[in-house]
Structures are given as C-alpha cells and as structure tokens.
Amino acid sequence: MYDKMCIDTFLERQEQLFYEPVAQTPEEAEEFLEDCMAYVCKNIREVRAYFEEVGVDIAGMSNEELAAAQEVFDLPDGRYLIVEG
C-alpha cells in the first residue's frame, strides 16, 4: 500500500515522532504504517484538509508550521506522509 519512498522516509526519520525506533526493516516500517493507517497527501492543502477532517485544531497554522508538525513527514517528491502515533 505504501511505496518505497514512503517506507524509506519513515524508516530513516521515525525518531522525529517516536523517542525510539518502532521499525528496523522496510517490512516492519510498512507494517507499522499500515497498522496506524498512515495517510499520504499529494500536497500541503491535502495535509490541511486531512487535519481538519479528523478534528485537529490547526486554526492559524501556516503551511510551513503544518509541514513541520512532528507527525508530518515530507517526502522527496513533494508529497507528505502523516503518521499518527
């Protein structure tokens, strides 16, 4: 369900969200992302829409602040991976 870029980015940067690694291999990372129902957004507008839909108070947050949220992983191709821990 998650492509290699999502899995590799999460695996490399998972400690931005967790104090210690939750996955050691790409397979474990993919399983973790599936278990927590991580969401992939095409752009920052979709990130904003996602947070609004799930009821997160993001009023007054800039796009830069949203992109810097610890549960938001910016992907090299411009997409975003949202992982709720």
C-alpha atoms as a PDB file:
ATOM      1  CA  MET A   1       0.000   0.000   0.000  1.00  0.00           C
ATOM      2  CA  TYR A   2       2.876   2.389   0.752  1.00  0.00           C
ATOM      3  CA  ASP A   3       5.540   2.931  -1.879  1.00  0.00           C
ATOM      4  CA  LYS A   4       9.281   2.617  -1.303  1.00  0.00           C
ATOM      5  CA  MET A   5       9.707   6.374  -0.829  1.00  0.00           C
ATOM      6  CA  CYS A   6       7.137   6.463   1.998  1.00  0.00           C
ATOM      7  CA  ILE A   7       8.631   3.435   3.713  1.00  0.00           C
ATOM      8  CA  ASP A   8      12.244   4.583   3.382  1.00  0.00           C
ATOM      9  CA  THR A   9      11.470   8.121   4.566  1.00  0.00           C
ATOM     10  CA  PHE A  10       9.582   6.865   7.610  1.00  0.00           C
ATOM     11  CA  LEU A  11      12.285   4.328   8.419  1.00  0.00           C
ATOM     12  CA  GLU A  12      15.032   6.974   8.217  1.00  0.00           C
ATOM     13  CA  ARG A  13      13.160   9.703  10.127  1.00  0.00           C
ATOM     14  CA  GLN A  14      10.835   7.830  12.510  1.00  0.00           C
ATOM     15  CA  GLU A  15      12.546   9.365  15.526  1.00  0.00           C
ATOM     16  CA  GLN A  16      11.026  12.755  14.667  1.00  0.00           C
ATOM     17  CA  LEU A  17       7.795  11.247  16.043  1.00  0.00           C
ATOM     18  CA  PHE A  18       8.952   8.496  18.413  1.00  0.00           C
ATOM     19  CA  TYR A  19      11.630   8.510  21.115  1.00  0.00           C
ATOM     20  CA  GLU A  20      12.975   5.194  19.894  1.00  0.00           C
ATOM     21  CA  PRO A  21      12.637   3.309  16.608  1.00  0.00           C
ATOM     22  CA  VAL A  22       9.398   1.396  16.057  1.00  0.00           C
ATOM     23  CA  ALA A  23      10.730  -0.398  12.955  1.00  0.00           C
ATOM     24  CA  GLN A  24      14.120  -1.777  11.970  1.00  0.00           C
ATOM     25  CA  THR A  25      13.422  -3.041   8.446  1.00  0.00           C
ATOM     26  CA  PRO A  26      11.373  -1.813   5.487  1.00  0.00           C
ATOM     27  CA  GLU A  27       8.918  -4.663   6.102  1.00  0.00           C
ATOM     28  CA  GLU A  28       8.432  -3.613   9.741  1.00  0.00           C
ATOM     29  CA  ALA A  29       8.048   0.025   8.677  1.00  0.00           C
ATOM     30  CA  GLU A  30       5.385  -0.861   6.117  1.00  0.00           C
ATOM     31  CA  GLU A  31       3.523  -2.986   8.666  1.00  0.00           C
ATOM     32  CA  PHE A  32       3.656  -0.154  11.202  1.00  0.00           C
ATOM     33  CA  LEU A  33       2.349   2.375   8.657  1.00  0.00           C
ATOM     34  CA  GLU A  34      -0.496   0.011   7.774  1.00  0.00           C
ATOM     35  CA  ASP A  35      -1.340  -0.642  11.440  1.00  0.00           C
ATOM     36  CA  CYS A  36      -1.560   3.058  12.292  1.00  0.00           C
ATOM     37  CA  MET A  37      -3.311   3.839   8.985  1.00  0.00           C
ATOM     38  CA  ALA A  38      -0.776   6.444   7.899  1.00  0.00           C
ATOM     39  CA  TYR A  39      -2.083   8.758   5.201  1.00  0.00           C
ATOM     40  CA  VAL A  40      -0.291  10.019   2.100  1.00  0.00           C
ATOM     41  CA  CYS A  41      -1.161  13.525   0.861  1.00  0.00           C
ATOM     42  CA  LYS A  42      -0.323  14.914  -2.573  1.00  0.00           C
ATOM     43  CA  ASN A  43       0.355  18.423  -1.246  1.00  0.00           C
ATOM     44  CA  ILE A  44       0.108  20.667   1.804  1.00  0.00           C
ATOM     45  CA  ARG A  45      -3.539  21.521   1.002  1.00  0.00           C
ATOM     46  CA  GLU A  46      -4.396  17.852   1.456  1.00  0.00           C
ATOM     47  CA  VAL A  47      -2.479  17.826   4.749  1.00  0.00           C
ATOM     48  CA  ARG A  48      -4.600  20.758   5.943  1.00  0.00           C
ATOM     49  CA  ALA A  49      -7.809  19.081   4.759  1.00  0.00           C
ATOM     50  CA  TYR A  50      -6.843  15.825   6.486  1.00  0.00           C
ATOM     51  CA  PHE A  51      -6.243  17.518   9.834  1.00  0.00           C
ATOM     52  CA  GLU A  52      -9.484  19.486   9.546  1.00  0.00           C
ATOM     53  CA  GLU A  53     -11.413  16.310   8.702  1.00  0.00           C
ATOM     54  CA  VAL A  54     -10.095  14.414  11.717  1.00  0.00           C
ATOM     55  CA  GLY A  55     -10.780  17.374  14.018  1.00  0.00           C
ATOM     56  CA  VAL A  56      -7.272  18.619  14.789  1.00  0.00           C
ATOM     57  CA  ASP A  57      -7.241  22.314  15.735  1.00  0.00           C
ATOM     58  CA  ILE A  58      -4.963  23.865  13.133  1.00  0.00           C
ATOM     59  CA  ALA A  59      -6.574  27.297  13.078  1.00  0.00           C
ATOM     60  CA  GLY A  60      -3.957  29.944  12.473  1.00  0.00           C
ATOM     61  CA  MET A  61      -1.230  27.488  11.474  1.00  0.00           C
ATOM     62  CA  SER A  62       0.744  28.377   8.373  1.00  0.00           C
ATOM     63  CA  ASN A  63       1.573  25.790   5.723  1.00  0.00           C
ATOM     64  CA  GLU A  64       5.160  25.818   6.971  1.00  0.00           C
ATOM     65  CA  GLU A  65       4.009  25.063  10.522  1.00  0.00           C
ATOM     66  CA  LEU A  66       1.818  22.223   9.254  1.00  0.00           C
ATOM     67  CA  ALA A  67       4.679  20.753   7.246  1.00  0.00           C
ATOM     68  CA  ALA A  68       6.913  20.931  10.332  1.00  0.00           C
ATOM     69  CA  ALA A  69       4.463  19.080  12.599  1.00  0.00           C
ATOM     70  CA  GLN A  70       6.123  16.013  14.080  1.00  0.00           C
ATOM     71  CA  GLU A  71       3.574  13.622  12.565  1.00  0.00           C
ATOM     72  CA  VAL A  72       4.071  15.033   9.068  1.00  0.00           C
ATOM     73  CA  PHE A  73       6.920  13.567   7.027  1.00  0.00           C
ATOM     74  CA  ASP A  74       7.748  15.496   3.872  1.00  0.00           C
ATOM     75  CA  LEU A  75       8.643  13.143   1.056  1.00  0.00           C
ATOM     76  CA  PRO A  76      11.343  13.905  -1.531  1.00  0.00           C
ATOM     77  CA  ASP A  77       8.780  14.085  -4.352  1.00  0.00           C
ATOM     78  CA  GLY A  78       6.698  16.812  -2.659  1.00  0.00           C
ATOM     79  CA  ARG A  79       4.078  14.569  -1.077  1.00  0.00           C
ATOM     80  CA  TYR A  80       3.515  14.238   2.666  1.00  0.00           C
ATOM     81  CA  LEU A  81       3.120  11.185   4.872  1.00  0.00           C
ATOM     82  CA  ILE A  82       1.028  11.674   8.008  1.00  0.00           C
ATOM     83  CA  VAL A  83       1.713   9.185  10.778  1.00  0.00           C
ATOM     84  CA  GLU A  84      -0.345   9.433  13.933  1.00  0.00           C
ATOM     85  CA  GLY A  85       1.498   7.854  16.824  1.00  0.00           C
END
